[in-house]
Each structure stands twice: as C-alpha cells, then as structure tokens.
Amino acid sequence: QERPSPCPVSVCGHHSRRFRRLQPRSLPLLLRTFWRHMLEVLVASLAGELIAQLRLPKSARIALLKHSVECCAGVPASEQRLVEAGGGQAILEDDSCLADLAPEHPNDDAETVVIQLTLVRVQRRWALSGDVMGSLRLWDLEQESVEQVIECHDALTCLAVDWLARVALCGTTGGALKLWDLSRGACLREFVSPGRQRVRCAAMSWSQRLALHGSSSDKALRLWDLGSGRCIQEFLGHAGSVAAVAADFGALLALSGGDDGALHFWDLEMGTCLWRLPSHGAVHTVALDWQSRMAMSSGTPLRAGSGRAAGEDGGVLRLWDLDDQAPALAAAAAPAKAAAAVPAAPQAAAAPAAKAAASVPEVGSPVAADSSVVPVAGAAASASQGGAGGAAAAAKVCVRELLPSTSAPGAPPCCLAADLAHRVALSGAVGGDSAQLWDLDGGVRLRDFRLGGPLHCLALNWTFRIALAAGGTGLVQLLDLESGATILEFPGHCDTVTCLAMS
C-alpha cells in the first residue's frame, strides 16, 4: 500500500519548528521594528478629557485620524479641528502626515512615539424642518443642500433636537412622539400619548435620556424616559391643554404654558409645581434660560379696547425674571404687518408703581414687597369675568410692562424664537408675512423682515446672526439678522412647514 504524502500539518510543523528557532533572537527585533513605524496618538478635549487613544502608522494622514476618532468617539469628522497640544493654534490639515508631528529625536528606549493632540469641535450649521405631510428634512446650511429626508407618515407639530448626538424628537397629530437618528434616518423609538391626542409641544435632552410633551385635549405635561420608553411622571395643574414647554434638564426644571393663559414652573425631580404665573389669554410659545434666570412667553392677549380689528395685531411677548421668582422686565407688541422701513420703536415709560400690600402671591411664587408692580391685564380681565377666583388671581400675580400691548382680543398667536443669553428674540404673527427682531433689554424693535409667505414657525441662531422662517408656502427662508436680507431659500416641502430647528 502506497504511503500517504506528508499532510499540511507536517509542513506547518516544519515552519513551526523554524519559527521557534528564530523566536528568541528575531521576534524582539521584529516587534521593535514594527513599533518604530507606529505612533500612539492621544486626542483630548479643550477641557483636558481624553477622547481617544489610538495607534496609527507614521504614514497615516490626519483624515484617517479623524475617521478613527469618529468611530471611537462619535464626533463627525467634518466637525473635527485638531491642533497640537501646547504647540500653537494652527489647525492640522487633512492631508498632513502624522510623521511630521513626531519629535525629531525620539527616545530610543520607548516602544512607540506619543503624539498629543487637542480636538476642537466646530459644529456645522444644520437645520431641520417638518411639515403637515409628515416629511422631515435635514438641511446642510453650508452646502446649501438637503442631507436627509425622513418620512414620518403623520403630520408633524413640533420638534426637539440634540445636534451633538444628531437625534431628533418630533410630535405628530396622531398622538405619537417619534425619536429619530438623523445620521441614519432610522426611527429609534415611538412613544404614544394616552388617547393618541395631538402632540402640541415637546422638549428633549438626549444626554439625560429625558423628554417632555404636552397634548391638545389633555391638561397634563408628561415626562418620558427615552431609554426605556416609559412615562415617568405626569404633571397636573393646567386648566387647559399644554401648548408650549421649555426645559433645563440639567437643573431638572421646566416651564410650560397652555390655553388657560398660565405659566407653570416645574421641579422635574420632585414632580411639583414651584409657582404659577397668569400670563396671556393663551400661551403659544415659551423659552427658558435657567443660567441667566430668564424666561420668555408669547401668546394671544386678553386686553380689549385697543380700537383695532381682531387679527390686526400679532400677540404679546413677555420677558420674565426668574431670579426674583416674579415677572420683572418687559412686554412688547408684536405686530403682524411690518412697515417698509424699520422705524425705531419708542421707548415706553415704565408702568406706574403700585404697592401691592394687599397682594398675596400664589404659593411658590413670592413677589418682593418693595418691587414696583402692576396687575396683569389678563388676570384683571379674568377677575371681572370669573368672580372670586378671578379676583384672587388678579391680586396675587403682578408684572411690570415696558411696552404695553395694544393687540385686540382674537388676534393670531405669536410664534417666537429667542436667545435669552444675548437678550434677543425673533417673533411674528402666525399667518403674517413679516417677522420682527427685538432687543429685550431695551424693549425696542431692531429690524423687520419681509417674508415670502404666511409665517408659521421660526428658528434663531444669534451666534451666526442668522434665522429661519417657514410657513404656508413650504419654503424655508434663511435670514441675515444684520442686513435683514434673505440669504437662501430652501424648497422641497410640498405643504405647510409646521416646525423648525437650527443648530
């Protein structure tokens, strides 16, 4: 019988024996040679926190390093700017080689050469818009193009976006909250409100995995756990549907407003209402900046006797000082029709001081005894109509107005986008063809913007001095806040744009 030929195992054994003979002398040399062609790259944030620790060949380019940082840290390569740690402020170009960053005389005893870099994240300018057809569009404002189109299959009513995580939460008329990954266009989770009521407002923090929302025919504000998808808490206190909400999830505080004309300030951790402030006939939008202890609200006024027809004016803006836990600063008229020129709004005289010795603020909303205050017009109106309960509300809540509203009852609600840290706001009447930029410190109108169609929603970025406006025509306009001109127009929506967000 023929003897079988040597099998591959015997060949492997031959090479294995040869490898064992070379290992004592050659392997350390091979390893040292290998590591001498590698670099250890440490990438840290501006705060000194280590973001990534990578081993890359010396021949690698900065573009490859950015891709590696994106894979391990989730920071998009397009938003990365890398500089040498302690080596100046020159930004490394994508085609630069890592070998150029290595020291000229490395330590021979070290296995690898270490390079320390600092990552400066420059977030690109993005915008997100939703319409009544259920279409979400992600816009790249720098490239002037649409990056992603997401079909939600239900009319959209509100948006909340975490731009760092590229995650968006949208509310629909069908009573669903949908959480989207904007990078992949995938729905991560869906939350359904009880009774599938129309979602009117939403706020979100992806880092805290928390979200808030209010519905159309429900008087509750609900807190959701985005990780598990369960409702953590219901906040009751509004006498009507909750139409607007803004939150500081780091401080676990939230501000909500509704059709009952009241603002509620909530402690999300304790699940309690800290104070209640009568504000408008119906609150349409709220904004909150807890670091500056400021809040802002817009809504339909209750004040009558202006002599103007219903719908001629665009609602009331009010700025609240939360540091004193009482309204303190301004109310500004937001006219729907803008003049051709930008008139300088007259500085309104402060309202007459009125000592409210008999006024007793509601529980949790103390007003300083020596503050100059006047009763809220809306509360006064409700007092004349609502008997003893209305009178109590009128006596308890006070506000100082710098620009009293002349809006008539029944005027359209006012949409609002505010940067309270810089004391600026952009407003406009829903259905109007103009928007106004306000200086909140002086209570004056800075500029008027003529729009290409009926307005429905606004977004503001004061850092770049730009804003977005959209509405009934389906066109999204990019506005220059300094010149008042329209920079770009983004077509694509087939129907009314109902919500906007901008990075």
Protein backbone atom coordinates (compact mmCIF):
# COMPACT_ATOMS: atom_id res chain seq x y z
CA GLN A 1 0.00 0.00 0.00
CA GLU A 2 1.27 3.42 -1.00
CA ARG A 3 2.35 5.56 1.90
CA PRO A 4 0.35 8.82 2.09
CA SER A 5 2.18 12.01 1.22
CA PRO A 6 3.04 14.38 4.01
CA CYS A 7 -0.06 16.29 5.10
CA PRO A 8 -0.19 20.07 5.52
CA VAL A 9 0.24 19.54 9.25
CA SER A 10 3.77 18.28 8.76
CA VAL A 11 4.50 21.35 6.60
CA CYS A 12 3.10 23.60 9.31
CA GLY A 13 5.18 21.70 11.80
CA HIS A 14 8.29 22.38 9.74
CA HIS A 15 7.58 26.12 9.75
CA SER A 16 6.63 25.98 13.41
CA ARG A 17 10.00 24.46 14.31
CA ARG A 18 11.73 27.12 12.20
CA PHE A 19 9.74 29.85 13.91
CA ARG A 20 10.68 28.53 17.34
CA ARG A 21 14.35 28.63 16.33
CA LEU A 22 14.05 32.28 15.25
CA GLN A 23 11.85 33.48 18.10
CA PRO A 24 14.48 34.05 20.84
CA ARG A 25 16.64 36.33 18.68
CA SER A 26 14.42 37.71 15.90
CA LEU A 27 10.99 38.35 17.46
CA PRO A 28 12.02 41.27 19.71
CA LEU A 29 13.78 42.83 16.74
CA LEU A 30 10.70 42.40 14.57
CA LEU A 31 8.48 43.91 17.25
CA ARG A 32 10.77 46.87 17.77
CA THR A 33 10.89 47.44 14.03
CA PHE A 34 7.09 47.25 13.87
CA TRP A 35 6.50 49.69 16.73
CA ARG A 36 9.05 52.14 15.35
CA HIS A 37 6.72 52.56 12.39
CA MET A 38 3.75 53.25 14.67
CA LEU A 39 2.65 56.28 16.64
CA GLU A 40 0.50 56.48 19.73
CA VAL A 41 -1.91 59.38 19.31
CA LEU A 42 -3.70 60.84 22.34
CA VAL A 43 -6.66 63.09 21.47
CA ALA A 44 -8.09 65.22 24.28
CA SER A 45 -10.80 67.85 24.52
CA LEU A 46 -10.22 71.50 25.39
CA ALA A 47 -11.07 70.62 28.99
CA GLY A 48 -8.28 68.01 29.04
CA GLU A 49 -10.56 64.96 28.93
CA LEU A 50 -9.12 62.05 26.95
CA ILE A 51 -11.37 61.36 23.97
CA ALA A 52 -9.38 58.73 22.05
CA GLN A 53 -6.13 56.76 22.38
CA LEU A 54 -5.05 55.31 19.04
CA ARG A 55 -2.07 53.51 17.46
CA LEU A 56 -1.58 54.50 13.84
CA PRO A 57 1.27 54.14 11.33
CA LYS A 58 3.54 57.14 10.86
CA SER A 59 2.47 57.34 7.25
CA ALA A 60 -1.19 57.90 8.21
CA ARG A 61 -2.85 61.19 7.36
CA ILE A 62 -4.92 63.45 9.58
CA ALA A 63 -8.00 62.44 7.57
CA LEU A 64 -7.54 58.82 8.74
CA LEU A 65 -7.07 60.01 12.32
CA LYS A 66 -10.35 61.97 12.15
CA HIS A 67 -12.15 58.89 10.83
CA SER A 68 -10.74 56.82 13.70
CA VAL A 69 -11.86 59.44 16.24
CA GLU A 70 -15.33 59.42 14.70
CA CYS A 71 -15.53 55.63 15.02
CA CYS A 72 -14.49 55.52 18.68
CA ALA A 73 -15.91 58.83 20.00
CA GLY A 74 -18.84 59.54 17.68
CA VAL A 75 -17.64 63.04 16.71
CA PRO A 76 -18.26 63.55 12.96
CA ALA A 77 -15.03 64.02 11.03
CA SER A 78 -16.46 67.11 9.33
CA GLU A 79 -16.80 68.80 12.74
CA GLN A 80 -13.28 67.99 14.00
CA ARG A 81 -10.45 70.52 14.18
CA LEU A 82 -7.17 69.11 15.51
CA VAL A 83 -4.26 71.14 16.91
CA GLU A 84 -1.05 70.09 18.61
CA ALA A 85 -1.29 70.18 22.39
CA GLY A 86 0.85 73.07 23.57
CA GLY A 87 2.17 73.61 20.07
CA GLY A 88 0.21 76.66 18.96
CA GLN A 89 -3.19 77.16 17.43
CA ALA A 90 -2.50 76.03 13.85
CA ILE A 91 -5.21 73.64 12.66
CA LEU A 92 -3.84 70.44 11.12
CA GLU A 93 -4.86 69.91 7.51
CA ASP A 94 -6.45 66.63 6.43
CA ASP A 95 -3.57 65.78 4.09
CA SER A 96 -0.92 66.33 6.78
CA CYS A 97 1.13 63.28 7.75
CA LEU A 98 1.43 62.09 11.33
CA ALA A 99 5.17 61.56 10.84
CA ASP A 100 5.57 65.34 10.55
CA LEU A 101 4.25 65.68 14.10
CA ALA A 102 6.67 63.15 15.61
CA PRO A 103 9.71 64.51 17.51
CA GLU A 104 12.94 64.62 15.53
CA HIS A 105 14.92 62.75 18.20
CA PRO A 106 12.61 60.20 19.77
CA ASN A 107 13.57 58.26 22.87
CA ASP A 108 15.18 55.05 21.71
CA ASP A 109 14.07 53.22 24.85
CA ALA A 110 10.39 53.92 24.18
CA GLU A 111 8.49 51.35 22.16
CA THR A 112 6.32 53.98 20.43
CA VAL A 113 6.35 57.71 19.97
CA VAL A 114 3.46 59.53 21.63
CA ILE A 115 1.73 62.50 19.99
CA GLN A 116 -0.74 64.60 21.95
CA LEU A 117 -3.44 66.49 20.06
CA THR A 118 -6.37 68.67 21.13
CA LEU A 119 -9.75 68.31 19.49
CA VAL A 120 -11.74 71.47 18.87
CA ARG A 121 -15.24 70.63 17.71
CA VAL A 122 -16.73 73.06 15.20
CA GLN A 123 -20.33 72.11 14.74
CA ARG A 124 -21.65 72.51 11.24
CA ARG A 125 -24.76 74.56 10.72
CA TRP A 126 -27.75 72.30 10.30
CA ALA A 127 -31.48 72.87 10.13
CA LEU A 128 -34.42 70.51 10.49
CA SER A 129 -37.92 71.21 9.22
CA GLY A 130 -41.18 69.26 9.33
CA ASP A 131 -44.47 69.71 7.50
CA VAL A 132 -48.10 68.65 7.62
CA MET A 133 -47.39 65.82 5.19
CA GLY A 134 -45.14 64.11 7.74
CA SER A 135 -41.88 64.88 5.96
CA LEU A 136 -38.72 65.72 7.92
CA ARG A 137 -35.90 67.42 6.01
CA LEU A 138 -32.36 67.81 7.32
CA TRP A 139 -30.61 70.78 5.68
CA ASP A 140 -26.89 71.44 5.41
CA LEU A 141 -26.80 75.23 5.55
CA GLU A 142 -23.15 75.41 4.49
CA GLN A 143 -23.53 73.18 1.45
CA GLU A 144 -26.98 74.66 0.72
CA SER A 145 -28.44 71.21 0.22
CA VAL A 146 -30.75 68.66 1.80
CA GLU A 147 -28.83 65.97 3.66
CA GLN A 148 -31.65 63.63 4.69
CA VAL A 149 -35.37 63.20 4.02
CA ILE A 150 -37.35 61.21 6.59
CA GLU A 151 -40.98 60.22 6.14
CA CYS A 152 -42.90 60.13 9.42
CA HIS A 153 -46.27 59.24 7.78
CA ASP A 154 -48.15 61.66 10.01
CA ALA A 155 -48.49 65.44 10.19
CA LEU A 156 -45.74 66.96 12.34
CA THR A 157 -46.48 69.54 15.02
CA CYS A 158 -43.25 70.14 16.99
CA LEU A 159 -39.54 69.34 17.08
CA ALA A 160 -36.81 68.95 19.69
CA VAL A 161 -33.25 68.24 18.52
CA ASP A 162 -29.97 67.27 20.16
CA TRP A 163 -27.48 68.36 17.50
CA LEU A 164 -24.43 66.87 19.19
CA ALA A 165 -25.98 63.41 19.19
CA ARG A 166 -27.83 64.00 15.87
CA VAL A 167 -31.08 62.82 17.46
CA ALA A 168 -34.50 64.44 16.99
CA LEU A 169 -37.84 64.03 18.71
CA CYS A 170 -40.94 65.02 16.74
CA GLY A 171 -44.58 65.20 17.74
CA THR A 172 -47.46 64.30 15.43
CA THR A 173 -51.16 64.94 15.11
CA GLY A 174 -51.75 61.24 15.64
CA GLY A 175 -50.58 61.43 19.25
CA ALA A 176 -47.17 59.83 18.72
CA LEU A 177 -43.70 61.04 19.70
CA LYS A 178 -41.05 59.62 17.38
CA LEU A 179 -37.34 59.55 18.17
CA TRP A 180 -35.10 59.68 15.08
CA ASP A 181 -31.43 59.06 14.38
CA LEU A 182 -30.73 61.85 11.88
CA SER A 183 -27.49 60.28 10.64
CA ARG A 184 -29.17 57.04 9.54
CA GLY A 185 -32.73 58.27 9.10
CA ALA A 186 -33.94 55.49 11.39
CA CYS A 187 -36.70 55.62 13.99
CA LEU A 188 -35.21 54.62 17.34
CA ARG A 189 -38.40 54.57 19.40
CA GLU A 190 -42.03 55.65 19.35
CA PHE A 191 -43.99 56.96 22.32
CA VAL A 192 -47.78 57.14 22.26
CA SER A 193 -49.69 59.62 24.40
CA PRO A 194 -52.83 58.37 26.18
CA GLY A 195 -55.82 58.53 23.88
CA ARG A 196 -53.48 59.33 20.96
CA GLN A 197 -54.10 63.04 21.41
CA ARG A 198 -52.40 65.54 19.13
CA VAL A 199 -48.94 66.44 20.46
CA ARG A 200 -48.58 70.22 20.72
CA CYS A 201 -45.13 70.67 22.26
CA ALA A 202 -42.01 68.71 23.15
CA ALA A 203 -38.60 69.20 24.78
CA MET A 204 -35.75 66.70 24.98
CA SER A 205 -32.29 66.01 26.39
CA TRP A 206 -30.58 63.01 24.83
CA SER A 207 -27.70 63.10 27.32
CA GLN A 208 -30.20 62.82 30.20
CA ARG A 209 -32.46 60.45 28.19
CA LEU A 210 -35.48 62.57 29.15
CA ALA A 211 -38.29 64.20 27.19
CA LEU A 212 -41.39 66.29 27.97
CA HIS A 213 -44.54 66.70 25.94
CA GLY A 214 -47.99 68.25 26.12
CA SER A 215 -51.10 67.23 24.17
CA SER A 216 -54.08 69.01 22.66
CA SER A 217 -57.04 67.91 24.79
CA ASP A 218 -55.06 66.82 27.81
CA LYS A 219 -54.24 69.03 30.80
CA ALA A 220 -51.11 67.08 31.72
CA LEU A 221 -47.43 67.51 30.98
CA ARG A 222 -45.69 64.13 30.68
CA LEU A 223 -42.07 63.19 31.37
CA TRP A 224 -40.65 60.25 29.36
CA ASP A 225 -37.62 58.03 29.78
CA LEU A 226 -36.13 57.85 26.27
CA GLY A 227 -34.13 54.76 27.15
CA SER A 228 -36.95 52.54 28.36
CA GLY A 229 -39.83 54.27 26.57
CA ARG A 230 -41.99 54.55 29.69
CA CYS A 231 -43.77 57.57 31.10
CA ILE A 232 -42.06 58.55 34.36
CA GLN A 233 -44.31 61.33 35.62
CA GLU A 234 -47.47 63.28 34.85
CA PHE A 235 -47.60 66.94 35.88
CA LEU A 236 -51.11 68.23 36.51
CA GLY A 237 -52.10 71.82 37.08
CA HIS A 238 -53.08 73.41 33.78
CA ALA A 239 -56.76 74.15 33.31
CA GLY A 240 -56.47 73.61 29.54
CA SER A 241 -54.26 71.83 27.05
CA VAL A 242 -50.50 72.32 27.34
CA ALA A 243 -49.36 74.22 24.25
CA ALA A 244 -45.72 75.07 24.99
CA VAL A 245 -42.85 73.71 27.06
CA ALA A 246 -39.17 74.54 27.58
CA ALA A 247 -36.82 72.75 29.95
CA ASP A 248 -33.39 72.78 31.52
CA PHE A 249 -32.88 69.07 32.06
CA GLY A 250 -29.52 69.62 33.77
CA ALA A 251 -31.26 71.58 36.51
CA LEU A 252 -34.40 69.39 36.21
CA LEU A 253 -36.64 72.43 35.75
CA ALA A 254 -39.30 73.14 33.13
CA LEU A 255 -41.61 75.94 32.08
CA SER A 256 -44.95 75.23 30.42
CA GLY A 257 -47.82 77.30 29.11
CA GLY A 258 -51.25 76.47 27.80
CA ASP A 259 -54.64 77.58 26.63
CA ASP A 260 -55.56 78.53 30.20
CA GLY A 261 -53.25 81.53 29.92
CA ALA A 262 -50.95 80.46 32.75
CA LEU A 263 -47.26 79.67 33.01
CA HIS A 264 -46.25 76.81 35.30
CA PHE A 265 -42.72 76.34 36.58
CA TRP A 266 -42.00 72.70 37.43
CA ASP A 267 -39.46 70.82 39.53
CA LEU A 268 -38.98 67.66 37.47
CA GLU A 269 -37.17 65.81 40.24
CA MET A 270 -39.82 66.39 42.90
CA GLY A 271 -42.74 66.35 40.46
CA THR A 272 -44.20 69.57 41.84
CA CYS A 273 -45.18 72.99 40.52
CA LEU A 274 -42.95 75.67 42.07
CA TRP A 275 -45.11 78.60 41.01
CA ARG A 276 -47.88 79.61 38.64
CA LEU A 277 -47.97 82.90 36.72
CA PRO A 278 -51.04 84.13 34.81
CA SER A 279 -49.64 85.44 31.54
CA HIS A 280 -51.80 85.57 28.43
CA GLY A 281 -55.14 84.67 27.01
CA ALA A 282 -53.48 81.59 25.54
CA VAL A 283 -49.75 80.84 25.66
CA HIS A 284 -48.36 79.84 22.28
CA THR A 285 -44.57 79.58 22.85
CA VAL A 286 -42.18 79.65 25.81
CA ALA A 287 -38.39 79.89 26.11
CA LEU A 288 -36.22 79.24 29.16
CA ASP A 289 -32.60 80.04 30.04
CA TRP A 290 -32.02 78.95 33.62
CA GLN A 291 -28.37 80.05 33.68
CA SER A 292 -29.44 83.67 33.19
CA ARG A 293 -32.65 83.07 35.20
CA MET A 294 -34.73 84.38 32.32
CA ALA A 295 -37.82 83.09 30.54
CA MET A 296 -40.00 84.37 27.73
CA SER A 297 -43.53 83.66 26.56
CA SER A 298 -45.74 84.62 23.65
CA GLY A 299 -49.47 84.35 23.29
CA THR A 300 -52.80 85.85 22.40
CA PRO A 301 -53.63 88.88 24.55
CA LEU A 302 -56.76 89.35 26.61
CA ARG A 303 -56.64 93.12 26.72
CA ALA A 304 -59.56 94.82 24.98
CA GLY A 305 -60.26 98.39 23.98
CA SER A 306 -57.40 98.83 21.51
CA GLY A 307 -59.72 100.02 18.78
CA ARG A 308 -58.19 97.63 16.22
CA ALA A 309 -59.83 94.81 14.40
CA ALA A 310 -59.26 91.25 15.54
CA GLY A 311 -56.30 89.71 13.74
CA GLU A 312 -54.63 93.06 13.04
CA ASP A 313 -52.00 92.61 15.72
CA GLY A 314 -49.86 89.59 16.46
CA GLY A 315 -49.94 88.89 20.16
CA VAL A 316 -47.83 89.71 23.20
CA LEU A 317 -44.25 88.90 24.19
CA ARG A 318 -43.30 88.91 27.85
CA LEU A 319 -39.91 88.51 29.47
CA TRP A 320 -39.80 87.03 32.96
CA ASP A 321 -37.13 87.37 35.61
CA LEU A 322 -36.96 84.00 37.36
CA ASP A 323 -34.20 85.09 39.70
CA ASP A 324 -36.72 87.14 41.66
CA GLN A 325 -39.37 84.48 41.02
CA ALA A 326 -41.66 87.18 39.63
CA PRO A 327 -42.26 88.83 36.26
CA ALA A 328 -39.96 91.82 36.06
CA LEU A 329 -38.98 93.10 32.68
CA ALA A 330 -40.94 93.60 29.50
CA ALA A 331 -43.97 93.05 27.34
CA ALA A 332 -43.66 94.03 23.73
CA ALA A 333 -46.23 94.30 20.99
CA ALA A 334 -45.50 92.01 18.06
CA PRO A 335 -47.36 93.47 15.07
CA ALA A 336 -48.09 91.17 12.19
CA LYS A 337 -47.73 93.83 9.49
CA ALA A 338 -44.23 95.29 9.17
CA ALA A 339 -43.55 98.76 7.82
CA ALA A 340 -41.44 99.11 4.70
CA ALA A 341 -38.74 100.94 6.66
CA VAL A 342 -37.55 99.93 10.10
CA PRO A 343 -38.96 102.51 12.48
CA ALA A 344 -37.34 102.97 15.84
CA ALA A 345 -39.85 101.77 18.36
CA PRO A 346 -40.41 104.42 21.03
CA GLN A 347 -39.10 103.65 24.46
CA ALA A 348 -42.12 103.06 26.62
CA ALA A 349 -42.28 104.59 30.01
CA ALA A 350 -42.28 102.25 32.93
CA ALA A 351 -45.70 101.49 34.31
CA PRO A 352 -46.69 103.44 37.41
CA ALA A 353 -45.51 101.87 40.59
CA ALA A 354 -48.19 100.26 42.66
CA LYS A 355 -47.50 98.89 46.08
CA ALA A 356 -49.22 95.56 46.37
CA ALA A 357 -49.52 95.46 50.11
CA ALA A 358 -52.79 93.64 49.81
CA SER A 359 -51.46 91.37 47.05
CA VAL A 360 -50.58 87.91 48.21
CA PRO A 361 -48.65 85.90 45.59
CA GLU A 362 -49.70 82.36 44.92
CA VAL A 363 -47.98 79.55 46.74
CA GLY A 364 -44.44 79.14 45.45
CA SER A 365 -44.42 82.48 43.58
CA PRO A 366 -43.34 85.17 46.05
CA VAL A 367 -43.06 88.78 44.91
CA ALA A 368 -40.70 91.13 46.70
CA ALA A 369 -42.60 93.51 48.95
CA ASP A 370 -40.69 96.55 47.71
CA SER A 371 -40.96 95.78 43.98
CA SER A 372 -42.86 98.10 41.69
CA VAL A 373 -45.63 96.08 40.11
CA VAL A 374 -48.88 96.40 38.21
CA PRO A 375 -51.60 93.76 37.88
CA VAL A 376 -51.54 91.52 34.82
CA ALA A 377 -54.15 92.71 32.36
CA GLY A 378 -55.20 89.17 31.59
CA ALA A 379 -55.68 88.39 35.25
CA ALA A 380 -57.68 91.58 35.69
CA ALA A 381 -59.94 90.62 32.83
CA SER A 382 -60.45 87.16 34.25
CA ALA A 383 -61.18 88.74 37.61
CA SER A 384 -64.03 90.77 36.15
CA GLN A 385 -65.43 87.66 34.50
CA GLY A 386 -64.56 84.89 36.90
CA GLY A 387 -65.84 86.11 40.24
CA ALA A 388 -63.92 85.50 43.42
CA GLY A 389 -61.47 83.04 41.88
CA GLY A 390 -60.52 85.51 39.18
CA ALA A 391 -60.15 88.32 41.70
CA ALA A 392 -57.79 86.20 43.78
CA ALA A 393 -55.64 85.51 40.72
CA ALA A 394 -55.60 89.22 39.83
CA ALA A 395 -54.48 90.16 43.31
CA LYS A 396 -51.75 87.55 43.54
CA VAL A 397 -49.75 87.92 40.32
CA CYS A 398 -48.04 91.14 39.18
CA VAL A 399 -45.97 92.15 36.16
CA ARG A 400 -44.16 95.29 35.04
CA GLU A 401 -44.71 96.19 31.39
CA LEU A 402 -42.29 98.27 29.34
CA LEU A 403 -44.23 98.18 26.08
CA PRO A 404 -47.91 97.59 26.81
CA SER A 405 -49.66 95.53 24.17
CA THR A 406 -52.34 97.11 22.01
CA SER A 407 -53.36 93.80 20.48
CA ALA A 408 -57.06 93.14 20.21
CA PRO A 409 -58.82 90.04 21.54
CA GLY A 410 -58.85 87.31 18.94
CA ALA A 411 -55.51 88.33 17.38
CA PRO A 412 -53.48 85.44 15.90
CA PRO A 413 -50.95 83.78 18.20
CA CYS A 414 -47.34 84.89 18.05
CA CYS A 415 -44.55 82.46 17.20
CA LEU A 416 -41.24 83.07 18.92
CA ALA A 417 -37.55 82.17 18.74
CA ALA A 418 -35.36 83.62 21.49
CA ASP A 419 -31.74 83.72 22.62
CA LEU A 420 -32.17 84.84 26.20
CA ALA A 421 -28.46 84.72 26.98
CA HIS A 422 -27.92 87.52 24.44
CA ARG A 423 -31.31 89.18 25.15
CA VAL A 424 -32.62 88.98 21.59
CA ALA A 425 -35.78 87.44 20.18
CA LEU A 426 -37.46 86.98 16.82
CA SER A 427 -41.23 86.97 16.61
CA GLY A 428 -44.06 87.11 14.13
CA ALA A 429 -47.80 86.58 13.93
CA VAL A 430 -48.88 83.16 12.69
CA GLY A 431 -50.20 83.65 9.17
CA GLY A 432 -48.48 87.02 8.81
CA ASP A 433 -45.92 87.94 6.18
CA SER A 434 -43.27 89.55 8.42
CA ALA A 435 -41.07 88.93 11.45
CA GLN A 436 -39.51 91.30 13.96
CA LEU A 437 -36.17 91.22 15.78
CA TRP A 438 -36.27 92.54 19.35
CA ASP A 439 -33.73 93.90 21.81
CA LEU A 440 -35.09 92.53 25.08
CA ASP A 441 -33.01 94.77 27.34
CA GLY A 442 -34.31 97.96 25.77
CA GLY A 443 -37.68 96.57 24.74
CA VAL A 444 -37.24 98.01 21.23
CA ARG A 445 -37.67 96.55 17.79
CA LEU A 446 -34.37 96.32 15.91
CA ARG A 447 -35.44 95.18 12.47
CA ASP A 448 -38.35 93.97 10.36
CA PHE A 449 -38.14 91.10 7.89
CA ARG A 450 -40.43 90.69 4.91
CA LEU A 451 -41.24 87.02 4.29
CA GLY A 452 -42.24 85.24 1.13
CA GLY A 453 -45.44 83.76 2.51
CA PRO A 454 -47.58 83.13 5.59
CA LEU A 455 -45.45 82.54 8.67
CA HIS A 456 -45.88 79.50 10.89
CA CYS A 457 -42.56 78.86 12.67
CA LEU A 458 -39.19 80.46 13.41
CA ALA A 459 -35.69 79.42 14.48
CA LEU A 460 -32.82 81.66 15.62
CA ASN A 461 -29.02 81.41 15.86
CA TRP A 462 -27.68 84.69 17.21
CA THR A 463 -24.06 83.46 17.21
CA PHE A 464 -24.06 83.36 13.41
CA ARG A 465 -26.64 86.19 13.13
CA ILE A 466 -28.99 84.02 11.09
CA ALA A 467 -32.57 82.82 11.43
CA LEU A 468 -35.02 80.53 9.68
CA ALA A 469 -38.64 81.27 8.82
CA ALA A 470 -41.16 78.97 7.17
CA GLY A 471 -44.89 78.57 6.76
CA GLY A 472 -47.72 78.03 4.32
CA THR A 473 -45.75 78.04 1.07
CA GLY A 474 -43.50 75.14 2.12
CA LEU A 475 -40.45 77.34 1.55
CA VAL A 476 -37.75 77.63 4.25
CA GLN A 477 -36.05 81.05 4.25
CA LEU A 478 -32.60 81.72 5.70
CA LEU A 479 -32.46 85.30 7.02
CA ASP A 480 -29.47 87.53 7.71
CA LEU A 481 -30.24 89.24 11.02
CA GLU A 482 -27.76 92.07 10.43
CA SER A 483 -28.82 93.16 6.94
CA GLY A 484 -32.41 91.94 7.03
CA ALA A 485 -31.96 90.19 3.68
CA THR A 486 -32.95 86.66 2.70
CA ILE A 487 -29.73 84.70 2.17
CA LEU A 488 -31.16 81.46 0.81
CA GLU A 489 -34.45 79.76 0.11
CA PHE A 490 -34.80 76.03 0.55
CA PRO A 491 -37.60 74.45 -1.49
CA GLY A 492 -38.71 70.87 -1.09
CA HIS A 493 -41.71 70.79 1.21
CA CYS A 494 -44.97 70.24 -0.59
CA ASP A 495 -47.17 71.80 2.09
CA THR A 496 -47.13 73.97 5.20
CA VAL A 497 -43.97 73.78 7.31
CA THR A 498 -45.12 73.48 10.91
CA CYS A 499 -41.84 73.20 12.89
CA LEU A 500 -38.22 74.29 12.61
CA ALA A 501 -34.95 73.71 14.49
CA MET A 502 -31.46 75.02 13.84
CA SER A 503 -28.05 74.19 15.29
